[in-house]
All heavy atoms as atom14 arrays in JSON, in Angstrom:
{
  "sequence": "KVVYHVKLKGIENIPPKGTRYIVAINHTCAFDPVFAAMSSEVPELHF",
  "atom14_mask": [
    [1, 1, 1, 1, 1, 1, 1, 1, 1, 0, 0, 0, 0, 0],
    [1, 1, 1, 1, 1, 1, 1, 0, 0, 0, 0, 0, 0, 0],
    [1, 1, 1, 1, 1, 1, 1, 0, 0, 0, 0, 0, 0, 0],
    [1, 1, 1, 1, 1, 1, 1, 1, 1, 1, 1, 1, 0, 0],
    [1, 1, 1, 1, 1, 1, 1, 1, 1, 1, 0, 0, 0, 0],
    [1, 1, 1, 1, 1, 1, 1, 0, 0, 0, 0, 0, 0, 0],
    [1, 1, 1, 1, 1, 1, 1, 1, 1, 0, 0, 0, 0, 0],
    [1, 1, 1, 1, 1, 1, 1, 1, 0, 0, 0, 0, 0, 0],
    [1, 1, 1, 1, 1, 1, 1, 1, 1, 0, 0, 0, 0, 0],
    [1, 1, 1, 1, 0, 0, 0, 0, 0, 0, 0, 0, 0, 0],
    [1, 1, 1, 1, 1, 1, 1, 1, 0, 0, 0, 0, 0, 0],
    [1, 1, 1, 1, 1, 1, 1, 1, 1, 0, 0, 0, 0, 0],
    [1, 1, 1, 1, 1, 1, 1, 1, 0, 0, 0, 0, 0, 0],
    [1, 1, 1, 1, 1, 1, 1, 1, 0, 0, 0, 0, 0, 0],
    [1, 1, 1, 1, 1, 1, 1, 0, 0, 0, 0, 0, 0, 0],
    [1, 1, 1, 1, 1, 1, 1, 0, 0, 0, 0, 0, 0, 0],
    [1, 1, 1, 1, 1, 1, 1, 1, 1, 0, 0, 0, 0, 0],
    [1, 1, 1, 1, 0, 0, 0, 0, 0, 0, 0, 0, 0, 0],
    [1, 1, 1, 1, 1, 1, 1, 0, 0, 0, 0, 0, 0, 0],
    [1, 1, 1, 1, 1, 1, 1, 1, 1, 1, 1, 0, 0, 0],
    [1, 1, 1, 1, 1, 1, 1, 1, 1, 1, 1, 1, 0, 0],
    [1, 1, 1, 1, 1, 1, 1, 1, 0, 0, 0, 0, 0, 0],
    [1, 1, 1, 1, 1, 1, 1, 0, 0, 0, 0, 0, 0, 0],
    [1, 1, 1, 1, 1, 0, 0, 0, 0, 0, 0, 0, 0, 0],
    [1, 1, 1, 1, 1, 1, 1, 1, 0, 0, 0, 0, 0, 0],
    [1, 1, 1, 1, 1, 1, 1, 1, 0, 0, 0, 0, 0, 0],
    [1, 1, 1, 1, 1, 1, 1, 1, 1, 1, 0, 0, 0, 0],
    [1, 1, 1, 1, 1, 1, 1, 0, 0, 0, 0, 0, 0, 0],
    [1, 1, 1, 1, 1, 1, 0, 0, 0, 0, 0, 0, 0, 0],
    [1, 1, 1, 1, 1, 0, 0, 0, 0, 0, 0, 0, 0, 0],
    [1, 1, 1, 1, 1, 1, 1, 1, 1, 1, 1, 0, 0, 0],
    [1, 1, 1, 1, 1, 1, 1, 1, 0, 0, 0, 0, 0, 0],
    [1, 1, 1, 1, 1, 1, 1, 0, 0, 0, 0, 0, 0, 0],
    [1, 1, 1, 1, 1, 1, 1, 0, 0, 0, 0, 0, 0, 0],
    [1, 1, 1, 1, 1, 1, 1, 1, 1, 1, 1, 0, 0, 0],
    [1, 1, 1, 1, 1, 0, 0, 0, 0, 0, 0, 0, 0, 0],
    [1, 1, 1, 1, 1, 0, 0, 0, 0, 0, 0, 0, 0, 0],
    [1, 1, 1, 1, 1, 1, 1, 1, 0, 0, 0, 0, 0, 0],
    [1, 1, 1, 1, 1, 1, 0, 0, 0, 0, 0, 0, 0, 0],
    [1, 1, 1, 1, 1, 1, 0, 0, 0, 0, 0, 0, 0, 0],
    [1, 1, 1, 1, 1, 1, 1, 1, 1, 0, 0, 0, 0, 0],
    [1, 1, 1, 1, 1, 1, 1, 0, 0, 0, 0, 0, 0, 0],
    [1, 1, 1, 1, 1, 1, 1, 0, 0, 0, 0, 0, 0, 0],
    [1, 1, 1, 1, 1, 1, 1, 1, 1, 0, 0, 0, 0, 0],
    [1, 1, 1, 1, 1, 1, 1, 1, 0, 0, 0, 0, 0, 0],
    [1, 1, 1, 1, 1, 1, 1, 1, 1, 1, 0, 0, 0, 0],
    [1, 1, 1, 1, 1, 1, 1, 1, 1, 1, 1, 0, 0, 0]
  ],
  "atom14_positions": [
    [[-3.22, 5.63, 11.99], [-2.42, 6.43, 12.92], [-1.05, 5.72, 13.11], [0.02, 6.43, 13.11], [-3.08, 6.58, 14.27], [-2.44, 7.61, 15.16], [-3.26, 7.83, 16.44], [-2.62, 8.88, 17.28], [-3.52, 9.18, 18.49], [0.0, 0.0, 0.0], [0.0, 0.0, 0.0], [0.0, 0.0, 0.0], [0.0, 0.0, 0.0], [0.0, 0.0, 0.0]],
    [[-1.02, 4.4, 13.06], [0.26, 3.63, 13.25], [1.05, 3.71, 11.93], [2.22, 4.0, 11.93], [0.0, 2.22, 13.61], [1.23, 1.43, 13.58], [-0.56, 2.2, 15.1], [0.0, 0.0, 0.0], [0.0, 0.0, 0.0], [0.0, 0.0, 0.0], [0.0, 0.0, 0.0], [0.0, 0.0, 0.0], [0.0, 0.0, 0.0], [0.0, 0.0, 0.0]],
    [[0.38, 3.46, 10.82], [1.01, 3.37, 9.47], [1.65, 4.72, 9.11], [2.78, 4.7, 8.52], [0.04, 2.9, 8.41], [0.65, 3.04, 7.03], [-0.38, 1.51, 8.66], [0.0, 0.0, 0.0], [0.0, 0.0, 0.0], [0.0, 0.0, 0.0], [0.0, 0.0, 0.0], [0.0, 0.0, 0.0], [0.0, 0.0, 0.0], [0.0, 0.0, 0.0]],
    [[1.0, 5.88, 9.44], [1.49, 7.12, 9.02], [2.19, 7.9, 10.25], [2.43, 9.04, 10.17], [0.43, 7.96, 8.38], [-0.04, 7.42, 7.1], [-1.11, 6.5, 6.94], [0.64, 7.78, 5.88], [-1.44, 6.06, 5.69], [0.3, 7.32, 4.59], [-0.76, 6.43, 4.55], [-1.15, 5.9, 3.35], [0.0, 0.0, 0.0], [0.0, 0.0, 0.0]],
    [[2.35, 7.19, 11.3], [2.95, 7.79, 12.51], [2.32, 9.14, 12.84], [2.93, 10.21, 12.96], [4.45, 7.95, 12.35], [5.19, 6.72, 12.08], [5.46, 6.22, 10.8], [5.63, 5.78, 12.95], [6.11, 5.13, 10.82], [6.28, 4.76, 12.14], [0.0, 0.0, 0.0], [0.0, 0.0, 0.0], [0.0, 0.0, 0.0], [0.0, 0.0, 0.0]],
    [[0.98, 9.16, 12.84], [0.25, 10.41, 13.0], [0.34, 11.01, 14.42], [0.12, 10.29, 15.41], [-1.23, 10.17, 12.61], [-2.04, 11.47, 12.83], [-1.39, 9.74, 11.21], [0.0, 0.0, 0.0], [0.0, 0.0, 0.0], [0.0, 0.0, 0.0], [0.0, 0.0, 0.0], [0.0, 0.0, 0.0], [0.0, 0.0, 0.0], [0.0, 0.0, 0.0]],
    [[0.67, 12.28, 14.45], [0.73, 13.0, 15.73], [-0.28, 14.17, 15.65], [-0.37, 14.9, 14.63], [2.21, 13.56, 15.9], [2.32, 14.4, 17.18], [3.79, 14.94, 17.24], [3.96, 15.81, 18.48], [5.42, 16.36, 18.53], [0.0, 0.0, 0.0], [0.0, 0.0, 0.0], [0.0, 0.0, 0.0], [0.0, 0.0, 0.0], [0.0, 0.0, 0.0]],
    [[-1.08, 14.36, 16.69], [-2.12, 15.36, 16.67], [-1.7, 16.55, 17.62], [-1.22, 16.27, 18.73], [-3.45, 14.76, 17.22], [-3.94, 13.58, 16.45], [-5.27, 13.1, 17.04], [-4.22, 13.92, 15.0], [0.0, 0.0, 0.0], [0.0, 0.0, 0.0], [0.0, 0.0, 0.0], [0.0, 0.0, 0.0], [0.0, 0.0, 0.0], [0.0, 0.0, 0.0]],
    [[-1.79, 17.74, 17.08], [-1.45, 18.9, 17.92], [-2.62, 19.95, 17.91], [-3.34, 19.99, 16.89], [-0.2, 19.62, 17.36], [1.11, 18.75, 17.45], [2.3, 19.53, 17.07], [2.56, 20.64, 18.09], [3.9, 21.33, 17.82], [0.0, 0.0, 0.0], [0.0, 0.0, 0.0], [0.0, 0.0, 0.0], [0.0, 0.0, 0.0], [0.0, 0.0, 0.0]],
    [[-2.78, 20.62, 18.94], [-3.77, 21.69, 19.0], [-5.21, 21.17, 19.18], [-6.11, 21.81, 18.76], [0.0, 0.0, 0.0], [0.0, 0.0, 0.0], [0.0, 0.0, 0.0], [0.0, 0.0, 0.0], [0.0, 0.0, 0.0], [0.0, 0.0, 0.0], [0.0, 0.0, 0.0], [0.0, 0.0, 0.0], [0.0, 0.0, 0.0], [0.0, 0.0, 0.0]],
    [[-5.3, 19.92, 19.72], [-6.65, 19.36, 19.94], [-7.58, 20.3, 20.74], [-8.78, 20.31, 20.56], [-6.55, 17.99, 20.61], [-5.83, 17.01, 19.62], [-7.94, 17.41, 20.92], [-5.59, 15.68, 20.29], [0.0, 0.0, 0.0], [0.0, 0.0, 0.0], [0.0, 0.0, 0.0], [0.0, 0.0, 0.0], [0.0, 0.0, 0.0], [0.0, 0.0, 0.0]],
    [[-6.95, 21.05, 21.65], [-7.73, 21.99, 22.54], [-8.42, 23.09, 21.64], [-9.35, 23.77, 22.12], [-6.81, 22.63, 23.52], [-5.82, 23.61, 23.0], [-4.57, 22.94, 22.48], [-4.46, 21.69, 22.46], [-3.58, 23.71, 22.07], [0.0, 0.0, 0.0], [0.0, 0.0, 0.0], [0.0, 0.0, 0.0], [0.0, 0.0, 0.0], [0.0, 0.0, 0.0]],
    [[-7.98, 23.2, 20.41], [-8.67, 24.21, 19.57], [-9.92, 23.68, 18.81], [-10.59, 24.54, 18.2], [-7.66, 24.73, 18.5], [-6.52, 25.52, 19.11], [-6.72, 26.29, 20.04], [-5.29, 25.3, 18.61], [0.0, 0.0, 0.0], [0.0, 0.0, 0.0], [0.0, 0.0, 0.0], [0.0, 0.0, 0.0], [0.0, 0.0, 0.0], [0.0, 0.0, 0.0]],
    [[-10.16, 22.41, 18.89], [-11.3, 21.85, 18.17], [-12.6, 22.29, 18.94], [-12.63, 22.17, 20.19], [-11.3, 20.35, 18.19], [-10.09, 19.91, 17.41], [-12.58, 19.72, 17.63], [-9.81, 18.39, 17.51], [0.0, 0.0, 0.0], [0.0, 0.0, 0.0], [0.0, 0.0, 0.0], [0.0, 0.0, 0.0], [0.0, 0.0, 0.0], [0.0, 0.0, 0.0]],
    [[-13.52, 22.99, 18.28], [-14.66, 23.59, 18.88], [-15.59, 22.46, 19.55], [-15.63, 21.36, 19.11], [-15.42, 24.28, 17.74], [-14.36, 24.47, 16.67], [-13.53, 23.24, 16.86], [0.0, 0.0, 0.0], [0.0, 0.0, 0.0], [0.0, 0.0, 0.0], [0.0, 0.0, 0.0], [0.0, 0.0, 0.0], [0.0, 0.0, 0.0], [0.0, 0.0, 0.0]],
    [[-16.36, 22.83, 20.56], [-17.31, 21.94, 21.15], [-18.53, 21.71, 20.29], [-18.72, 22.38, 19.33], [-17.69, 22.7, 22.46], [-17.59, 24.13, 22.1], [-16.3, 24.18, 21.26], [0.0, 0.0, 0.0], [0.0, 0.0, 0.0], [0.0, 0.0, 0.0], [0.0, 0.0, 0.0], [0.0, 0.0, 0.0], [0.0, 0.0, 0.0], [0.0, 0.0, 0.0]],
    [[-19.16, 20.59, 20.61], [-20.35, 20.23, 19.79], [-21.35, 21.39, 19.76], [-21.55, 22.03, 20.81], [-20.97, 18.93, 20.42], [-22.1, 18.4, 19.58], [-22.62, 17.06, 20.22], [-23.68, 16.51, 19.37], [-24.3, 15.2, 19.98], [0.0, 0.0, 0.0], [0.0, 0.0, 0.0], [0.0, 0.0, 0.0], [0.0, 0.0, 0.0], [0.0, 0.0, 0.0]],
    [[-21.96, 21.58, 18.62], [-22.86, 22.62, 18.55], [-22.37, 23.91, 17.9], [-23.13, 24.82, 17.5], [0.0, 0.0, 0.0], [0.0, 0.0, 0.0], [0.0, 0.0, 0.0], [0.0, 0.0, 0.0], [0.0, 0.0, 0.0], [0.0, 0.0, 0.0], [0.0, 0.0, 0.0], [0.0, 0.0, 0.0], [0.0, 0.0, 0.0], [0.0, 0.0, 0.0]],
    [[-21.04, 23.99, 17.77], [-20.41, 25.16, 17.13], [-20.62, 25.06, 15.61], [-20.44, 24.01, 15.03], [-18.89, 25.25, 17.44], [-18.76, 25.19, 18.88], [-18.31, 26.46, 16.86], [0.0, 0.0, 0.0], [0.0, 0.0, 0.0], [0.0, 0.0, 0.0], [0.0, 0.0, 0.0], [0.0, 0.0, 0.0], [0.0, 0.0, 0.0], [0.0, 0.0, 0.0]],
    [[-20.93, 26.18, 15.02], [-21.14, 26.26, 13.5], [-19.77, 26.59, 12.92], [-19.31, 27.73, 13.05], [-22.16, 27.25, 13.15], [-22.36, 27.51, 11.66], [-23.37, 28.51, 11.38], [-24.74, 28.05, 11.79], [-25.84, 28.29, 11.12], [-25.78, 28.97, 9.96], [-26.99, 27.85, 11.48], [0.0, 0.0, 0.0], [0.0, 0.0, 0.0], [0.0, 0.0, 0.0]],
    [[-19.19, 25.53, 12.28], [-17.84, 25.76, 11.67], [-17.56, 24.89, 10.56], [-18.16, 23.86, 10.27], [-16.7, 25.74, 12.77], [-16.41, 24.3, 13.3], [-15.29, 23.59, 12.82], [-17.26, 23.72, 14.23], [-14.97, 22.34, 13.36], [-16.93, 22.48, 14.75], [-15.84, 21.77, 14.25], [-15.52, 20.54, 14.78], [0.0, 0.0, 0.0], [0.0, 0.0, 0.0]],
    [[-16.59, 25.28, 9.78], [-16.01, 24.53, 8.64], [-14.62, 24.13, 8.87], [-13.85, 25.05, 9.44], [-16.09, 25.42, 7.37], [-17.55, 25.74, 6.99], [-15.4, 24.7, 6.16], [-17.69, 26.88, 5.97], [0.0, 0.0, 0.0], [0.0, 0.0, 0.0], [0.0, 0.0, 0.0], [0.0, 0.0, 0.0], [0.0, 0.0, 0.0], [0.0, 0.0, 0.0]],
    [[-14.13, 22.97, 8.56], [-12.74, 22.54, 8.7], [-12.05, 22.82, 7.37], [-12.51, 22.33, 6.34], [-12.67, 21.05, 9.04], [-11.15, 20.6, 9.11], [-13.26, 20.81, 10.53], [0.0, 0.0, 0.0], [0.0, 0.0, 0.0], [0.0, 0.0, 0.0], [0.0, 0.0, 0.0], [0.0, 0.0, 0.0], [0.0, 0.0, 0.0], [0.0, 0.0, 0.0]],
    [[-10.94, 23.62, 7.44], [-10.24, 23.98, 6.26], [-8.84, 23.28, 6.25], [-8.11, 23.44, 7.28], [-10.1, 25.45, 6.01], [0.0, 0.0, 0.0], [0.0, 0.0, 0.0], [0.0, 0.0, 0.0], [0.0, 0.0, 0.0], [0.0, 0.0, 0.0], [0.0, 0.0, 0.0], [0.0, 0.0, 0.0], [0.0, 0.0, 0.0], [0.0, 0.0, 0.0]],
    [[-8.53, 22.51, 5.29], [-7.37, 21.65, 5.24], [-6.43, 21.91, 4.05], [-7.05, 22.04, 2.89], [-7.74, 20.14, 5.21], [-8.94, 19.88, 6.09], [-6.54, 19.27, 5.69], [-9.6, 18.52, 5.78], [0.0, 0.0, 0.0], [0.0, 0.0, 0.0], [0.0, 0.0, 0.0], [0.0, 0.0, 0.0], [0.0, 0.0, 0.0], [0.0, 0.0, 0.0]],
    [[-5.19, 21.98, 4.1], [-4.29, 21.98, 2.98], [-4.4, 20.65, 2.25], [-4.47, 19.59, 2.99], [-2.85, 22.36, 3.32], [-2.22, 21.37, 4.42], [-2.89, 21.09, 5.43], [-1.02, 20.93, 4.08], [0.0, 0.0, 0.0], [0.0, 0.0, 0.0], [0.0, 0.0, 0.0], [0.0, 0.0, 0.0], [0.0, 0.0, 0.0], [0.0, 0.0, 0.0]],
    [[-4.29, 20.63, 1.01], [-4.57, 19.37, 0.21], [-3.2, 18.76, -0.19], [-2.59, 19.09, -1.17], [-5.38, 19.7, -1.01], [-6.1, 18.5, -1.56], [-5.98, 17.23, -0.96], [-7.11, 18.4, -2.51], [-6.85, 16.39, -1.63], [-7.48, 17.14, -2.56], [0.0, 0.0, 0.0], [0.0, 0.0, 0.0], [0.0, 0.0, 0.0], [0.0, 0.0, 0.0]],
    [[-2.78, 17.77, 0.59], [-1.47, 17.05, 0.31], [-1.68, 15.66, -0.36], [-0.82, 15.28, -1.12], [-0.78, 16.86, 1.62], [-1.61, 16.13, 2.5], [-0.49, 18.23, 2.27], [0.0, 0.0, 0.0], [0.0, 0.0, 0.0], [0.0, 0.0, 0.0], [0.0, 0.0, 0.0], [0.0, 0.0, 0.0], [0.0, 0.0, 0.0], [0.0, 0.0, 0.0]],
    [[-2.79, 15.04, 0.0], [-3.0, 13.67, -0.56], [-4.51, 13.3, -0.31], [-5.24, 14.08, 0.26], [-2.09, 12.63, 0.15], [-2.52, 12.32, 1.89], [0.0, 0.0, 0.0], [0.0, 0.0, 0.0], [0.0, 0.0, 0.0], [0.0, 0.0, 0.0], [0.0, 0.0, 0.0], [0.0, 0.0, 0.0], [0.0, 0.0, 0.0], [0.0, 0.0, 0.0]],
    [[-4.85, 12.09, -0.8], [-6.24, 11.73, -0.73], [-6.77, 11.48, 0.61], [-7.96, 11.46, 0.92], [-6.41, 10.41, -1.62], [0.0, 0.0, 0.0], [0.0, 0.0, 0.0], [0.0, 0.0, 0.0], [0.0, 0.0, 0.0], [0.0, 0.0, 0.0], [0.0, 0.0, 0.0], [0.0, 0.0, 0.0], [0.0, 0.0, 0.0], [0.0, 0.0, 0.0]],
    [[-5.78, 11.26, 1.64], [-6.2, 10.92, 2.99], [-6.39, 12.19, 3.87], [-6.56, 12.06, 5.11], [-5.09, 10.1, 3.63], [-5.25, 8.63, 3.26], [-4.22, 7.7, 3.63], [-6.29, 8.17, 2.48], [-4.35, 6.34, 3.31], [-6.36, 6.77, 2.13], [-5.39, 5.89, 2.56], [0.0, 0.0, 0.0], [0.0, 0.0, 0.0], [0.0, 0.0, 0.0]],
    [[-6.33, 13.42, 3.24], [-6.36, 14.57, 4.09], [-7.63, 14.63, 5.03], [-7.54, 14.96, 6.2], [-6.34, 15.84, 3.18], [-4.99, 16.09, 2.52], [-4.0, 15.62, 3.11], [-5.03, 16.56, 1.35], [0.0, 0.0, 0.0], [0.0, 0.0, 0.0], [0.0, 0.0, 0.0], [0.0, 0.0, 0.0], [0.0, 0.0, 0.0], [0.0, 0.0, 0.0]],
    [[-8.85, 14.32, 4.46], [-9.99, 14.36, 5.4], [-9.92, 13.29, 6.48], [-10.43, 13.5, 7.59], [-11.21, 14.03, 4.44], [-10.71, 14.48, 3.08], [-9.21, 14.15, 3.02], [0.0, 0.0, 0.0], [0.0, 0.0, 0.0], [0.0, 0.0, 0.0], [0.0, 0.0, 0.0], [0.0, 0.0, 0.0], [0.0, 0.0, 0.0], [0.0, 0.0, 0.0]],
    [[-9.24, 12.21, 6.18], [-9.04, 11.1, 7.2], [-8.16, 11.62, 8.29], [-8.39, 11.46, 9.45], [-8.43, 9.88, 6.53], [-8.16, 8.77, 7.57], [-9.34, 9.32, 5.44], [0.0, 0.0, 0.0], [0.0, 0.0, 0.0], [0.0, 0.0, 0.0], [0.0, 0.0, 0.0], [0.0, 0.0, 0.0], [0.0, 0.0, 0.0], [0.0, 0.0, 0.0]],
    [[-7.02, 12.21, 7.9], [-6.12, 12.77, 8.86], [-6.8, 13.8, 9.71], [-6.58, 13.85, 10.98], [-4.91, 13.39, 8.19], [-3.98, 12.38, 7.52], [-3.46, 12.65, 6.27], [-3.62, 11.16, 8.18], [-2.61, 11.72, 5.67], [-2.82, 10.3, 7.51], [-2.22, 10.57, 6.28], [0.0, 0.0, 0.0], [0.0, 0.0, 0.0], [0.0, 0.0, 0.0]],
    [[-7.51, 14.76, 9.1], [-8.18, 15.85, 9.84], [-9.22, 15.33, 10.84], [-9.47, 15.91, 11.89], [-8.85, 16.74, 8.87], [0.0, 0.0, 0.0], [0.0, 0.0, 0.0], [0.0, 0.0, 0.0], [0.0, 0.0, 0.0], [0.0, 0.0, 0.0], [0.0, 0.0, 0.0], [0.0, 0.0, 0.0], [0.0, 0.0, 0.0], [0.0, 0.0, 0.0]],
    [[-9.83, 14.11, 10.51], [-10.86, 13.6, 11.36], [-10.33, 12.61, 12.45], [-11.15, 11.91, 13.1], [-11.95, 12.94, 10.57], [0.0, 0.0, 0.0], [0.0, 0.0, 0.0], [0.0, 0.0, 0.0], [0.0, 0.0, 0.0], [0.0, 0.0, 0.0], [0.0, 0.0, 0.0], [0.0, 0.0, 0.0], [0.0, 0.0, 0.0], [0.0, 0.0, 0.0]],
    [[-9.03, 12.51, 12.46], [-8.43, 11.46, 13.33], [-8.7, 11.58, 14.81], [-8.87, 10.63, 15.52], [-6.89, 11.52, 13.16], [-6.1, 10.31, 13.64], [-6.48, 8.83, 12.67], [-5.8, 9.22, 11.1], [0.0, 0.0, 0.0], [0.0, 0.0, 0.0], [0.0, 0.0, 0.0], [0.0, 0.0, 0.0], [0.0, 0.0, 0.0], [0.0, 0.0, 0.0]],
    [[-8.77, 12.89, 15.26], [-9.09, 13.07, 16.68], [-10.58, 12.69, 16.98], [-11.46, 12.88, 16.22], [-8.9, 14.53, 17.05], [-9.38, 14.8, 18.35], [0.0, 0.0, 0.0], [0.0, 0.0, 0.0], [0.0, 0.0, 0.0], [0.0, 0.0, 0.0], [0.0, 0.0, 0.0], [0.0, 0.0, 0.0], [0.0, 0.0, 0.0], [0.0, 0.0, 0.0]],
    [[-10.71, 12.12, 18.11], [-12.08, 11.7, 18.59], [-12.91, 12.97, 18.88], [-14.16, 12.85, 18.99], [-11.96, 10.83, 19.93], [-11.38, 11.56, 20.93], [0.0, 0.0, 0.0], [0.0, 0.0, 0.0], [0.0, 0.0, 0.0], [0.0, 0.0, 0.0], [0.0, 0.0, 0.0], [0.0, 0.0, 0.0], [0.0, 0.0, 0.0], [0.0, 0.0, 0.0]],
    [[-12.3, 14.07, 19.01], [-13.05, 15.37, 19.19], [-13.63, 15.89, 18.06], [-14.53, 16.82, 18.08], [-12.05, 16.41, 19.81], [-11.34, 15.97, 21.15], [-12.3, 15.71, 22.21], [-13.27, 16.5, 22.4], [-12.13, 14.73, 22.99], [0.0, 0.0, 0.0], [0.0, 0.0, 0.0], [0.0, 0.0, 0.0], [0.0, 0.0, 0.0], [0.0, 0.0, 0.0]],
    [[-13.24, 15.44, 16.81], [-13.78, 15.92, 15.53], [-14.95, 15.14, 15.19], [-14.87, 13.9, 15.14], [-12.63, 15.81, 14.43], [-13.26, 16.28, 13.06], [-11.45, 16.7, 14.81], [0.0, 0.0, 0.0], [0.0, 0.0, 0.0], [0.0, 0.0, 0.0], [0.0, 0.0, 0.0], [0.0, 0.0, 0.0], [0.0, 0.0, 0.0], [0.0, 0.0, 0.0]],
    [[-16.05, 15.78, 14.83], [-17.31, 15.06, 14.49], [-17.24, 14.53, 13.07], [-16.2, 14.73, 12.37], [-18.37, 16.23, 14.6], [-17.6, 17.38, 14.28], [-16.23, 17.21, 14.9], [0.0, 0.0, 0.0], [0.0, 0.0, 0.0], [0.0, 0.0, 0.0], [0.0, 0.0, 0.0], [0.0, 0.0, 0.0], [0.0, 0.0, 0.0], [0.0, 0.0, 0.0]],
    [[-18.25, 13.92, 12.63], [-18.36, 13.46, 11.24], [-18.12, 14.63, 10.3], [-18.68, 15.69, 10.45], [-19.7, 12.81, 10.99], [-20.02, 11.62, 11.83], [-21.5, 11.29, 11.77], [-22.35, 12.15, 11.44], [-21.82, 10.11, 12.18], [0.0, 0.0, 0.0], [0.0, 0.0, 0.0], [0.0, 0.0, 0.0], [0.0, 0.0, 0.0], [0.0, 0.0, 0.0]],
    [[-17.21, 14.42, 9.35], [-16.84, 15.49, 8.38], [-17.37, 15.15, 7.0], [-17.08, 14.14, 6.39], [-15.29, 15.64, 8.23], [-14.55, 16.15, 9.49], [-13.08, 16.27, 9.24], [-15.11, 17.56, 9.94], [0.0, 0.0, 0.0], [0.0, 0.0, 0.0], [0.0, 0.0, 0.0], [0.0, 0.0, 0.0], [0.0, 0.0, 0.0], [0.0, 0.0, 0.0]],
    [[-18.25, 16.08, 6.57], [-18.76, 16.0, 5.11], [-17.74, 16.71, 4.33], [-17.29, 17.9, 4.66], [-20.07, 16.68, 5.08], [-21.18, 16.02, 5.89], [-22.22, 15.33, 5.31], [-21.33, 16.03, 7.24], [-22.97, 14.9, 6.29], [-22.5, 15.31, 7.46], [0.0, 0.0, 0.0], [0.0, 0.0, 0.0], [0.0, 0.0, 0.0], [0.0, 0.0, 0.0]],
    [[-17.35, 16.15, 3.19], [-16.24, 16.78, 2.41], [-16.47, 16.73, 0.93], [-17.17, 15.82, 0.43], [-14.89, 16.08, 2.77], [-14.82, 14.64, 2.31], [-14.3, 14.21, 1.18], [-15.33, 13.65, 3.25], [-14.24, 12.84, 0.73], [-15.28, 12.32, 2.84], [-14.71, 11.97, 1.7], [0.0, 0.0, 0.0], [0.0, 0.0, 0.0], [0.0, 0.0, 0.0]]
  ]
}
C-alpha cells in the first residue's frame, strides 16, 4: 500500500460475507489480485 501509494474507493460496495460473487478485475500487472484484495473487507481471493 505504501510502495504503490494505493488508494481504495467504493469499499461500501464490497458485499457482506456469505454473498455469492466473483471479483472481476482489469489486467494491468501481476499484482492485480493483490491490489483487489487490499481491503480488509475482501475475503480470500482464489484466482
